[in-house]
C-alpha cells in the first residue's frame, strides 16, 4: 500500500539510487489521500518531542493548504474565517476544557 508524498520525493529517491513507483491520483483519490495524510501528520504532531513540534506543524499546515486548494478555497479567505471565529468565540490560549 502506498502513500501520498511531497512532489520532490520521487526525485530524492532517484538521487539516492532508488527507483520509485509512482502514479498520479485522480482528484477524488487525491482528496481522500490528503485527508488520510492529515491524520498521519496530526498523529506525528501528537507524538513529537518539543524540538520536533514546529516541523510537524509545518507538515500539517502544508496538507491543510493542499486540501483548501483542492476544494477551491483561497488560503487568505480561510485565514479571514479563522480570524472571525477567534473574534466571535475566542482562541485556544486559556487552555479551557469544558467538562
C-alpha atoms as a PDB file:
ATOM      1  CA  UNK A   1       0.000   0.000   0.000  1.00  0.00           C
ATOM      2  CA  UNK A   2       1.360   3.399  -0.958  1.00  0.00           C
ATOM      3  CA  UNK A   3       1.010   6.845   0.476  1.00  0.00           C
ATOM      4  CA  UNK A   4       0.834  10.414  -0.664  1.00  0.00           C
ATOM      5  CA  UNK A   5       4.226  12.116  -0.711  1.00  0.00           C
ATOM      6  CA  UNK A   6       5.517  15.599  -1.394  1.00  0.00           C
ATOM      7  CA  UNK A   7       6.209  16.394  -5.060  1.00  0.00           C
ATOM      8  CA  UNK A   8      10.001  16.165  -4.889  1.00  0.00           C
ATOM      9  CA  UNK A   9      10.205  12.848  -3.014  1.00  0.00           C
ATOM     10  CA  UNK A  10      10.470  10.658  -6.153  1.00  0.00           C
ATOM     11  CA  UNK A  11      13.448  12.700  -7.370  1.00  0.00           C
ATOM     12  CA  UNK A  12      15.093  12.496  -3.937  1.00  0.00           C
ATOM     13  CA  UNK A  13      14.667   8.707  -4.041  1.00  0.00           C
ATOM     14  CA  UNK A  14      16.258   8.611  -7.502  1.00  0.00           C
ATOM     15  CA  UNK A  15      19.217  10.713  -6.356  1.00  0.00           C
ATOM     16  CA  UNK A  16      19.752   8.190  -3.579  1.00  0.00           C
ATOM     17  CA  UNK A  17      19.859   5.291  -6.055  1.00  0.00           C
ATOM     18  CA  UNK A  18      16.262   4.120  -5.806  1.00  0.00           C
ATOM     19  CA  UNK A  19      13.582   3.848  -8.453  1.00  0.00           C
ATOM     20  CA  UNK A  20      10.230   4.962  -7.058  1.00  0.00           C
ATOM     21  CA  UNK A  21       6.974   3.581  -8.400  1.00  0.00           C
ATOM     22  CA  UNK A  22       4.512   6.444  -8.559  1.00  0.00           C
ATOM     23  CA  UNK A  23       1.193   7.239 -10.130  1.00  0.00           C
ATOM     24  CA  UNK A  24      -0.813  10.417 -10.344  1.00  0.00           C
ATOM     25  CA  UNK A  25      -4.072  10.217  -8.414  1.00  0.00           C
ATOM     26  CA  UNK A  26      -7.348  11.381  -9.843  1.00  0.00           C
ATOM     27  CA  UNK A  27      -8.983  14.276  -7.990  1.00  0.00           C
ATOM     28  CA  UNK A  28     -11.209  12.131  -5.745  1.00  0.00           C
ATOM     29  CA  UNK A  29      -8.325   9.821  -4.819  1.00  0.00           C
ATOM     30  CA  UNK A  30      -6.087  12.824  -4.212  1.00  0.00           C
ATOM     31  CA  UNK A  31      -8.540  14.492  -1.834  1.00  0.00           C
ATOM     32  CA  UNK A  32      -9.010  11.230   0.082  1.00  0.00           C
ATOM     33  CA  UNK A  33      -5.236  10.743   0.256  1.00  0.00           C
ATOM     34  CA  UNK A  34      -4.849  14.290   1.579  1.00  0.00           C
ATOM     35  CA  UNK A  35      -7.346  13.643   4.361  1.00  0.00           C
ATOM     36  CA  UNK A  36      -5.523  10.423   5.264  1.00  0.00           C
ATOM     37  CA  UNK A  37      -2.229  12.355   5.179  1.00  0.00           C
ATOM     38  CA  UNK A  38      -3.726  14.938   7.535  1.00  0.00           C
ATOM     39  CA  UNK A  39      -4.475  12.221  10.090  1.00  0.00           C
ATOM     40  CA  UNK A  40      -0.949  10.809   9.638  1.00  0.00           C
ATOM     41  CA  UNK A  41       0.651  14.215  10.139  1.00  0.00           C
ATOM     42  CA  UNK A  42      -1.600  15.036  13.102  1.00  0.00           C
ATOM     43  CA  UNK A  43      -0.529  11.800  14.791  1.00  0.00           C
ATOM     44  CA  UNK A  44       3.112  12.690  14.189  1.00  0.00           C
ATOM     45  CA  UNK A  45       2.463  16.114  15.720  1.00  0.00           C
ATOM     46  CA  UNK A  46       0.806  14.491  18.720  1.00  0.00           C
ATOM     47  CA  UNK A  47       3.830  12.259  19.274  1.00  0.00           C
ATOM     48  CA  UNK A  48       6.507  14.863  18.515  1.00  0.00           C
ATOM     49  CA  UNK A  49       9.121  15.955  21.008  1.00  0.00           C
ATOM     50  CA  UNK A  50       9.293  19.653  21.859  1.00  0.00           C
ATOM     51  CA  UNK A  51      12.110  20.092  19.350  1.00  0.00           C
ATOM     52  CA  UNK A  52      10.111  18.455  16.540  1.00  0.00           C
ATOM     53  CA  UNK A  53       6.813  20.326  17.006  1.00  0.00           C
ATOM     54  CA  UNK A  54       7.497  23.198  14.580  1.00  0.00           C
ATOM     55  CA  UNK A  55       8.415  20.790  11.764  1.00  0.00           C
ATOM     56  CA  UNK A  56       5.307  18.698  12.395  1.00  0.00           C
ATOM     57  CA  UNK A  57       3.082  21.781  12.455  1.00  0.00           C
ATOM     58  CA  UNK A  58       4.604  22.758   9.099  1.00  0.00           C
ATOM     59  CA  UNK A  59       3.618  19.368   7.675  1.00  0.00           C
ATOM     60  CA  UNK A  60       0.022  19.694   8.944  1.00  0.00           C
ATOM     61  CA  UNK A  61      -0.113  23.227   7.554  1.00  0.00           C
ATOM     62  CA  UNK A  62       1.054  22.091   4.117  1.00  0.00           C
ATOM     63  CA  UNK A  63      -1.577  19.343   3.961  1.00  0.00           C
ATOM     64  CA  UNK A  64      -4.310  21.768   5.039  1.00  0.00           C
ATOM     65  CA  UNK A  65      -3.251  24.206   2.316  1.00  0.00           C
ATOM     66  CA  UNK A  66      -3.431  21.408  -0.276  1.00  0.00           C
ATOM     67  CA  UNK A  67      -6.928  20.389   0.888  1.00  0.00           C
ATOM     68  CA  UNK A  68      -8.053  24.004   0.662  1.00  0.00           C
ATOM     69  CA  UNK A  69      -6.721  24.248  -2.893  1.00  0.00           C
ATOM     70  CA  UNK A  70      -8.379  21.000  -3.987  1.00  0.00           C
ATOM     71  CA  UNK A  71     -11.692  22.236  -2.614  1.00  0.00           C
ATOM     72  CA  UNK A  72     -11.296  25.582  -4.391  1.00  0.00           C
ATOM     73  CA  UNK A  73     -10.657  27.730  -1.329  1.00  0.00           C
ATOM     74  CA  UNK A  74      -8.228  30.619  -1.211  1.00  0.00           C
ATOM     75  CA  UNK A  75      -5.960  30.404   1.850  1.00  0.00           C
ATOM     76  CA  UNK A  76      -6.444  34.125   2.569  1.00  0.00           C
ATOM     77  CA  UNK A  77     -10.188  33.556   2.844  1.00  0.00           C
ATOM     78  CA  UNK A  78      -9.550  30.699   5.285  1.00  0.00           C
ATOM     79  CA  UNK A  79      -7.280  32.948   7.368  1.00  0.00           C
ATOM     80  CA  UNK A  80     -10.053  35.572   7.481  1.00  0.00           C
ATOM     81  CA  UNK A  81     -12.589  32.921   8.534  1.00  0.00           C
ATOM     82  CA  UNK A  82     -10.243  31.771  11.301  1.00  0.00           C
ATOM     83  CA  UNK A  83      -9.784  35.358  12.472  1.00  0.00           C
ATOM     84  CA  UNK A  84     -13.553  35.873  12.500  1.00  0.00           C
ATOM     85  CA  UNK A  85     -14.031  32.732  14.612  1.00  0.00           C
ATOM     86  CA  UNK A  86     -11.336  33.914  17.036  1.00  0.00           C
ATOM     87  CA  UNK A  87     -13.090  37.275  17.286  1.00  0.00           C
ATOM     88  CA  UNK A  88     -16.506  35.684  17.837  1.00  0.00           C
ATOM     89  CA  UNK A  89     -15.585  32.682  20.029  1.00  0.00           C
ATOM     90  CA  UNK A  90     -12.043  33.325  21.196  1.00  0.00           C
ATOM     91  CA  UNK A  91      -8.925  31.316  20.545  1.00  0.00           C
ATOM     92  CA  UNK A  92      -7.438  28.397  22.492  1.00  0.00           C
ATOM     93  CA  UNK A  93      -5.000  30.424  24.604  1.00  0.00           C
ATOM     94  CA  UNK A  94      -6.636  29.938  28.007  1.00  0.00           C
ATOM     95  CA  UNK A  95      -6.472  26.121  27.965  1.00  0.00           C
ATOM     96  CA  UNK A  96     -10.196  25.836  28.786  1.00  0.00           C
ATOM     97  CA  UNK A  97     -11.683  22.339  28.776  1.00  0.00           C
ATOM     98  CA  UNK A  98     -15.475  22.122  29.008  1.00  0.00           C
ATOM     99  CA  UNK A  99     -16.378  19.223  31.290  1.00  0.00           C
END
